[in-house]
Amino acid sequence: MAPTTMYMLKFDRCKLRARKDFSCGENDCLVSIFEATPCKIIVEFDGSAEAGRIGFCREISHKKQVDAIIDRIDKIRLKPEQDRFVCSGNEERFRSKITEQILKGDPIKFILPAFPGKSKNNRTKTLSHKPDMAELLSLRHLEEFCYDVRDIYSEGVEFVIFGDGRLYGEILEYGDNVIQEYIDIFCSFIKNNQLKYEDADSLYGNLNFDEVRQKVYKLYEVDLATVDKLIRTNENINRVYLGFLRFFQDEFATTDTFQNVSNKEKKRILKEKARRLIRANLTYSNMIQNIYSDYLRFSIHAHDNSEKVGISLSDSRSSGSPWHNCAIKMKDGTWNFIKRKEAEEKNAILRGNIGSEDIDSLPYFEEV
C-alpha cells in the first residue's frame, strides 16, 4: 500500500462544507477530508499520485490573494523615475515571501524603520519635539493598509515599526530623554494590534542607552571605509547621502551648532554627519536583515525599490515624513505634510494645542 502524505490547505474567506471525497488537480486525485472548518481544510493524500499535484492546487488557491496584496502595496509604494521593483526581481521576491507565509497560515510580515524622533527645528519645520497630528495620520495610513490586507487574507499582517532614533539621535543631537519621550507618546497612539513598535532598546532591554548603541555597532556596524565606497558607487546610497546633506541644511538652520563657524568648516561637519548617518542607516539594515529575516522590508526613502520598497506615510503619496513636518488639512478635506514655515506663509490656521499628548487636541494646520 502506498504511503499516506498529510497536507494542509487553507482557504481564506470561503465557506466550505466537509464531504467524504474531494477532487483536486487534473487527474482528480482523491483525498479524504478528516477535518474541516470554514477557513481550514486538512487533507490526507493518496500517495499513489504525484505529491506535487496538491502543491500546485494550493498555490493556485492563493494566487489571487497574493496579486491583491501586491496591488495594495502598490498603492503606498513610492515610484521614483528609476523604479526597478519589477525588473530587479524584487516584486517576485515579495510575491514568493507572501505566498510562503500564506501557505503557512502566518500573518504577512512587514518591517519599516522609521519615527526616530521629531526634528529639533521647531521654528521652520515642526511645532515641537513631541509627536503630533502628522504622526497620528501616518499611523492611521498604516493601519488602513493593515486592515485592507486583512480583508484580502484573514490572518492579516504583523507590521513592525522599528524605531531608529537611538543611533540617529546621537548624530542629530536630539538627546536620549527627548527621544524616549517621543517614543512613549508615539506608542500611545498605536491602537491596531497588527501594528507594533520595536527598537534596539526593546531588543537589549537590560542595557542603558549608550550601551545599546555600543552593542548594535559592535554586532552590525559597517565601517566608514565601506560607507565611503558605497556613497561613490551605489546609486541608492548616494541618493540617500545627498538627501541627508540637504536635510542637515534645514535641520541645523535655527540652532547654534554653526555659530562662529566658516562655511568651509560647516560643509565639512555636515558631510561628516551625513557620512555617519549613512553608517547608522546601514548598521540598522544589517541588524534588521539578521533579526527580522522573515520580514519584507519597507523604507521611507525613495529607493529604486530593487532591495527595499519605499512607501509613503500619507494618503497624498508624498515622500515627506511626519517627524520633519506638520500636518495640514486642505480645503477639500484631504491631509498632507508641510513645513511649519510654509504653513504660516499660507496663513493656515493652527488648530489644537502645541505640545498636547491628547489625541483629541493634537496640533495641526488648516488651510483657509
Protein backbone atom coordinates (compact mmCIF):
# COMPACT_ATOMS: atom_id res chain seq x y z
CA MET A 1 0.00 0.00 0.00
CA ALA A 2 1.32 3.44 -0.94
CA PRO A 3 2.37 5.68 1.97
CA THR A 4 -0.06 8.39 3.04
CA THR A 5 1.07 12.02 2.94
CA MET A 6 -0.56 14.77 5.02
CA TYR A 7 -1.23 18.24 3.60
CA MET A 8 -2.95 21.27 4.99
CA LEU A 9 -4.82 23.58 2.62
CA LYS A 10 -6.04 26.96 3.85
CA PHE A 11 -8.88 28.74 2.04
CA ASP A 12 -9.49 32.19 3.47
CA ARG A 13 -12.84 33.95 3.43
CA CYS A 14 -14.57 30.93 1.84
CA LYS A 15 -17.36 28.77 3.22
CA LEU A 16 -16.64 25.11 2.57
CA ARG A 17 -18.69 22.07 3.54
CA ALA A 18 -16.96 18.89 4.65
CA ARG A 19 -17.57 15.89 2.45
CA LYS A 20 -16.13 12.41 2.16
CA ASP A 21 -14.20 12.83 -1.10
CA PHE A 22 -12.55 15.90 -2.57
CA SER A 23 -11.24 16.25 -6.13
CA CYS A 24 -8.01 18.08 -6.77
CA GLY A 25 -5.85 18.50 -9.87
CA GLU A 26 -6.15 17.43 -13.44
CA ASN A 27 -6.22 13.71 -12.58
CA ASP A 28 -8.99 14.10 -9.98
CA CYS A 29 -6.73 12.72 -7.26
CA LEU A 30 -8.95 11.58 -4.40
CA VAL A 31 -8.25 12.85 -0.94
CA SER A 32 -10.16 12.15 2.21
CA ILE A 33 -11.07 15.10 4.39
CA PHE A 34 -10.77 14.25 8.06
CA GLU A 35 -11.14 17.76 9.46
CA ALA A 36 -12.81 20.84 8.05
CA THR A 37 -13.64 24.35 9.26
CA PRO A 38 -14.81 27.41 7.30
CA CYS A 39 -11.20 28.58 6.90
CA LYS A 40 -9.17 25.38 7.02
CA ILE A 41 -9.17 22.01 5.31
CA ILE A 42 -6.67 19.35 6.27
CA VAL A 43 -6.45 16.56 3.74
CA GLU A 44 -4.94 13.10 3.52
CA PHE A 45 -3.45 12.47 0.08
CA ASP A 46 -3.31 9.05 -1.55
CA GLY A 47 0.43 8.67 -2.22
CA SER A 48 -0.16 6.80 -5.49
CA ALA A 49 -0.37 10.15 -7.35
CA GLU A 50 2.25 12.88 -7.56
CA ALA A 51 2.54 14.90 -4.37
CA GLY A 52 3.33 17.96 -6.48
CA ARG A 53 -0.25 17.98 -7.75
CA ILE A 54 -1.59 19.01 -4.36
CA GLY A 55 1.10 21.66 -4.02
CA PHE A 56 0.06 23.06 -7.38
CA CYS A 57 -3.56 23.27 -6.28
CA ARG A 58 -2.56 25.06 -3.06
CA GLU A 59 -0.57 27.65 -4.99
CA ILE A 60 -3.42 28.37 -7.38
CA SER A 61 -5.85 28.81 -4.48
CA HIS A 62 -3.74 31.69 -3.13
CA LYS A 63 -2.59 33.39 -6.34
CA LYS A 64 -5.43 35.91 -6.32
CA GLN A 65 -4.69 36.79 -2.70
CA VAL A 66 -1.02 37.42 -3.49
CA ASP A 67 -1.96 39.53 -6.53
CA ALA A 68 -4.36 41.60 -4.42
CA ILE A 69 -1.76 42.15 -1.66
CA ILE A 70 0.86 43.26 -4.22
CA ASP A 71 -1.74 45.64 -5.69
CA ARG A 72 -2.38 47.06 -2.21
CA ILE A 73 1.36 47.55 -1.63
CA ASP A 74 1.48 49.34 -4.97
CA LYS A 75 -0.94 51.96 -3.65
CA ILE A 76 1.51 53.11 -0.97
CA ARG A 77 4.72 52.39 -2.87
CA LEU A 78 6.91 55.34 -3.88
CA LYS A 79 7.66 55.22 -7.59
CA PRO A 80 10.80 57.15 -8.48
CA GLU A 81 11.79 57.73 -12.07
CA GLN A 82 14.20 54.80 -11.93
CA ASP A 83 11.74 52.33 -10.41
CA ARG A 84 13.21 48.80 -10.56
CA PHE A 85 10.71 46.98 -8.35
CA VAL A 86 9.65 44.64 -11.15
CA CYS A 87 12.73 44.39 -13.38
CA SER A 88 15.10 43.77 -10.44
CA GLY A 89 13.11 40.73 -9.36
CA ASN A 90 12.15 42.33 -6.04
CA GLU A 91 8.44 42.12 -6.80
CA GLU A 92 8.85 38.39 -7.40
CA ARG A 93 10.72 38.09 -4.10
CA PHE A 94 7.82 39.85 -2.36
CA ARG A 95 5.36 37.52 -4.07
CA SER A 96 7.36 34.47 -3.04
CA LYS A 97 7.62 35.56 0.61
CA ILE A 98 3.92 36.46 0.80
CA THR A 99 2.94 33.12 -0.76
CA GLU A 100 5.18 31.26 1.69
CA GLN A 101 3.62 32.99 4.69
CA ILE A 102 0.07 32.46 3.43
CA LEU A 103 0.69 28.75 2.90
CA LYS A 104 1.98 28.51 6.46
CA GLY A 105 -1.11 30.31 7.71
CA ASP A 106 1.06 33.08 9.18
CA PRO A 107 0.44 36.83 9.11
CA ILE A 108 2.27 38.64 6.32
CA LYS A 109 5.32 40.20 7.98
CA PHE A 110 6.50 43.74 7.16
CA ILE A 111 9.05 45.95 8.86
CA LEU A 112 9.56 49.71 8.49
CA PRO A 113 12.47 51.52 10.19
CA ALA A 114 11.02 54.95 10.96
CA PHE A 115 9.90 57.53 13.55
CA PRO A 116 13.32 58.36 15.03
CA GLY A 117 12.14 61.49 16.85
CA LYS A 118 10.81 64.92 15.92
CA SER A 119 13.11 67.38 14.16
CA LYS A 120 14.60 69.84 16.61
CA ASN A 121 13.99 72.69 14.15
CA ASN A 122 10.62 73.81 15.52
CA ARG A 123 10.88 77.26 14.05
CA THR A 124 10.60 76.40 10.37
CA LYS A 125 9.83 72.64 10.20
CA THR A 126 7.89 71.29 13.18
CA LEU A 127 5.73 72.54 16.05
CA SER A 128 7.51 70.87 18.98
CA HIS A 129 9.65 67.87 19.87
CA LYS A 130 6.55 65.74 20.52
CA PRO A 131 4.55 63.58 18.08
CA ASP A 132 1.50 65.43 16.77
CA MET A 133 -1.25 65.07 14.17
CA ALA A 134 1.35 64.28 11.49
CA GLU A 135 2.44 61.11 13.32
CA LEU A 136 -1.16 60.14 14.06
CA LEU A 137 -2.12 60.49 10.39
CA SER A 138 0.82 58.29 9.39
CA LEU A 139 -0.29 55.63 11.85
CA ARG A 140 -3.86 55.77 10.51
CA HIS A 141 -2.43 55.44 7.00
CA LEU A 142 -0.51 52.31 8.00
CA GLU A 143 -3.50 50.94 9.93
CA GLU A 144 -5.64 51.28 6.81
CA PHE A 145 -3.05 49.26 4.91
CA CYS A 146 -3.17 46.56 7.61
CA TYR A 147 -6.98 46.43 7.55
CA ASP A 148 -7.05 46.20 3.75
CA VAL A 149 -4.59 43.29 3.72
CA ARG A 150 -6.64 41.52 6.39
CA ASP A 151 -9.71 41.90 4.16
CA ILE A 152 -7.76 40.02 1.47
CA TYR A 153 -6.17 37.46 3.79
CA SER A 154 -7.82 36.71 7.12
CA GLU A 155 -4.58 36.23 9.09
CA GLY A 156 -3.71 39.84 8.27
CA VAL A 157 -0.26 41.28 8.85
CA GLU A 158 2.38 41.68 11.51
CA PHE A 159 3.71 45.16 10.82
CA VAL A 160 6.72 46.20 12.89
CA ILE A 161 7.60 49.86 13.09
CA PHE A 162 11.25 49.75 14.08
CA GLY A 163 12.21 52.96 15.84
CA ASP A 164 15.62 54.07 14.59
CA GLY A 165 16.18 57.09 16.79
CA ARG A 166 18.71 55.67 19.20
CA LEU A 167 21.60 55.67 16.69
CA TYR A 168 20.37 58.62 14.62
CA GLY A 169 19.58 60.81 17.61
CA GLU A 170 23.20 60.96 18.70
CA ILE A 171 24.18 62.34 15.27
CA LEU A 172 21.16 64.65 15.06
CA GLU A 173 21.78 65.96 18.61
CA TYR A 174 18.28 65.07 19.80
CA GLY A 175 19.14 63.78 23.27
CA ASP A 176 18.17 60.36 24.63
CA ASN A 177 15.50 61.60 27.02
CA VAL A 178 13.82 63.63 24.27
CA ILE A 179 13.83 60.56 22.01
CA GLN A 180 12.34 58.44 24.79
CA GLU A 181 9.53 60.94 25.37
CA TYR A 182 8.77 60.89 21.64
CA ILE A 183 8.69 57.06 21.67
CA ASP A 184 6.38 56.88 24.70
CA ILE A 185 3.85 59.31 23.26
CA PHE A 186 4.03 57.77 19.79
CA CYS A 187 3.40 54.27 21.15
CA SER A 188 0.31 55.55 22.98
CA PHE A 189 -1.17 56.39 19.55
CA ILE A 190 -0.96 52.77 18.34
CA LYS A 191 -4.37 51.10 18.67
CA ASN A 192 -4.21 48.42 15.96
CA ASN A 193 -2.93 45.02 17.15
CA GLN A 194 -1.46 44.35 13.70
CA LEU A 195 0.96 47.24 14.25
CA LYS A 196 3.65 47.12 16.88
CA TYR A 197 6.65 49.23 17.82
CA GLU A 198 10.08 47.77 18.48
CA ASP A 199 13.57 49.23 18.64
CA ALA A 200 17.10 48.44 19.76
CA ASP A 201 16.16 49.36 23.33
CA SER A 202 13.48 46.66 23.42
CA LEU A 203 15.90 44.09 21.99
CA TYR A 204 18.58 44.89 24.59
CA GLY A 205 16.35 45.98 27.46
CA ASN A 206 18.93 45.36 30.20
CA LEU A 207 21.33 47.99 28.80
CA ASN A 208 21.36 51.77 29.11
CA PHE A 209 21.16 53.99 26.02
CA ASP A 210 24.93 54.29 25.49
CA GLU A 211 25.38 50.55 25.95
CA VAL A 212 22.59 49.87 23.44
CA ARG A 213 24.41 51.94 20.81
CA GLN A 214 27.71 50.22 21.57
CA LYS A 215 26.05 46.79 21.33
CA VAL A 216 24.39 47.50 17.98
CA TYR A 217 27.56 48.92 16.43
CA LYS A 218 29.67 46.06 17.77
CA LEU A 219 27.37 43.43 16.21
CA TYR A 220 26.28 45.09 12.97
CA GLU A 221 28.47 48.10 12.17
CA VAL A 222 29.55 48.91 8.62
CA ASP A 223 32.99 50.55 8.71
CA LEU A 224 33.41 54.06 7.35
CA ALA A 225 35.73 52.96 4.52
CA THR A 226 32.87 50.78 3.20
CA VAL A 227 30.45 53.67 3.69
CA ASP A 228 32.65 55.97 1.58
CA LYS A 229 32.90 53.39 -1.18
CA LEU A 230 29.13 52.85 -1.24
CA ILE A 231 28.49 56.60 -1.40
CA ARG A 232 30.69 56.70 -4.51
CA THR A 233 29.47 53.55 -6.24
CA ASN A 234 25.93 52.71 -5.08
CA GLU A 235 23.22 54.84 -6.67
CA ASN A 236 20.69 54.26 -3.89
CA ILE A 237 23.19 55.04 -1.11
CA ASN A 238 24.41 58.13 -2.96
CA ARG A 239 20.83 59.37 -3.34
CA VAL A 240 20.17 58.96 0.38
CA TYR A 241 23.52 60.61 1.23
CA LEU A 242 22.72 63.68 -0.87
CA GLY A 243 19.27 63.76 0.73
CA PHE A 244 20.90 63.75 4.17
CA LEU A 245 23.11 66.70 3.19
CA ARG A 246 20.04 68.71 2.13
CA PHE A 247 18.24 67.64 5.28
CA PHE A 248 21.06 68.88 7.53
CA GLN A 249 20.92 72.33 5.95
CA ASP A 250 17.35 72.70 7.26
CA GLU A 251 17.80 70.72 10.46
CA PHE A 252 20.53 72.93 11.88
CA ALA A 253 19.42 76.21 10.27
CA THR A 254 17.92 77.57 13.50
CA THR A 255 20.36 76.09 16.03
CA ASP A 256 23.62 77.47 17.38
CA THR A 257 25.58 74.44 16.13
CA PHE A 258 27.35 76.50 13.48
CA GLN A 259 27.73 79.82 15.25
CA ASN A 260 31.15 81.33 14.51
CA VAL A 261 31.91 78.53 12.02
CA SER A 262 33.15 79.26 8.50
CA ASN A 263 31.17 77.99 5.51
CA LYS A 264 34.04 75.65 4.63
CA GLU A 265 34.05 74.14 8.12
CA LYS A 266 30.26 73.93 8.13
CA LYS A 267 30.31 71.91 4.89
CA ARG A 268 32.93 69.58 6.37
CA ILE A 269 30.87 69.00 9.51
CA LEU A 270 27.68 68.37 7.52
CA LYS A 271 29.42 65.89 5.23
CA GLU A 272 30.78 64.05 8.26
CA LYS A 273 27.33 63.93 9.85
CA ALA A 274 25.77 62.65 6.61
CA ARG A 275 28.51 60.03 6.38
CA ARG A 276 27.87 58.89 9.96
CA LEU A 277 24.13 58.86 9.33
CA ILE A 278 24.68 56.54 6.35
CA ARG A 279 26.78 54.30 8.60
CA ALA A 280 23.95 54.20 11.16
CA ASN A 281 21.45 53.52 8.38
CA LEU A 282 23.48 50.60 7.03
CA THR A 283 24.07 49.29 10.56
CA TYR A 284 20.32 49.24 11.16
CA SER A 285 19.88 47.48 7.81
CA ASN A 286 22.31 44.75 8.85
CA MET A 287 20.56 44.42 12.20
CA ILE A 288 17.11 44.13 10.64
CA GLN A 289 18.30 41.68 8.00
CA ASN A 290 19.77 39.50 10.73
CA ILE A 291 16.96 39.65 13.32
CA TYR A 292 13.93 40.14 11.06
CA SER A 293 14.92 37.95 8.12
CA ASP A 294 11.32 36.75 7.59
CA TYR A 295 10.01 40.30 7.20
CA LEU A 296 9.50 42.20 3.96
CA ARG A 297 11.41 45.46 4.19
CA PHE A 298 9.77 48.83 3.70
CA SER A 299 11.61 52.17 3.75
CA ILE A 300 10.59 55.82 3.97
CA HIS A 301 13.25 56.73 1.39
CA ALA A 302 12.55 56.81 -2.34
CA HIS A 303 14.89 53.99 -3.38
CA ASP A 304 14.72 52.36 -6.81
CA ASN A 305 12.87 49.54 -4.99
CA SER A 306 15.34 46.88 -6.10
CA GLU A 307 16.10 45.84 -2.50
CA LYS A 308 13.82 47.74 -0.13
CA VAL A 309 10.45 49.18 -1.07
CA GLY A 310 9.94 52.87 -0.40
CA ILE A 311 6.46 53.73 0.85
CA SER A 312 4.52 56.90 1.55
CA LEU A 313 3.37 57.69 5.06
CA SER A 314 0.45 59.81 3.89
CA ASP A 315 -2.52 59.42 1.58
CA SER A 316 -1.00 62.07 -0.70
CA ARG A 317 1.78 59.60 -1.67
CA SER A 318 4.33 62.18 -0.57
CA SER A 319 7.83 61.05 0.32
CA GLY A 320 7.80 63.51 3.22
CA SER A 321 7.92 62.24 6.79
CA PRO A 322 5.84 63.36 9.79
CA TRP A 323 8.85 63.87 12.05
CA HIS A 324 10.22 66.58 9.71
CA ASN A 325 6.87 68.27 9.08
CA CYS A 326 3.50 69.33 10.43
CA ALA A 327 0.09 68.09 9.32
CA ILE A 328 -2.16 70.33 7.27
CA LYS A 329 -5.83 69.80 6.46
CA MET A 330 -6.55 71.07 2.96
CA LYS A 331 -9.70 72.89 1.83
CA ASP A 332 -11.01 69.73 0.18
CA GLY A 333 -10.68 67.79 3.44
CA THR A 334 -7.55 65.84 2.48
CA TRP A 335 -4.41 65.86 4.61
CA ASN A 336 -0.79 66.47 3.74
CA PHE A 337 2.58 67.17 5.35
CA ILE A 338 4.00 70.68 5.30
CA LYS A 339 6.87 72.61 6.84
CA ARG A 340 5.79 74.97 9.63
CA LYS A 341 7.20 77.99 7.82
CA GLU A 342 5.30 77.15 4.63
CA ALA A 343 2.03 76.70 6.53
CA GLU A 344 2.48 80.04 8.27
CA GLU A 345 3.30 81.75 4.95
CA LYS A 346 0.00 80.37 3.60
CA ASN A 347 -1.76 81.93 6.61
CA ALA A 348 -3.03 78.48 7.58
CA ILE A 349 -4.84 78.36 10.92
CA LEU A 350 -3.19 76.47 13.75
CA ARG A 351 -5.62 74.05 15.39
CA GLY A 352 -5.20 72.00 18.56
CA ASN A 353 -2.59 72.65 21.23
CA ILE A 354 1.15 72.62 20.63
CA GLY A 355 2.76 70.02 22.87
CA SER A 356 -0.50 68.21 23.57
CA GLU A 357 -0.34 64.44 24.06
CA ASP A 358 -4.13 64.06 23.85
CA ILE A 359 -5.27 62.61 20.51
CA ASP A 360 -8.30 64.91 20.54
CA SER A 361 -6.21 68.09 20.75
CA LEU A 362 -3.06 67.29 18.72
CA PRO A 363 -1.82 70.34 16.81
CA TYR A 364 -2.14 70.75 13.02
CA PHE A 365 -2.69 73.46 10.42
CA GLU A 366 -5.85 74.04 8.43
CA GLU A 367 -5.83 75.67 5.00
CA VAL A 368 -8.08 78.69 4.54
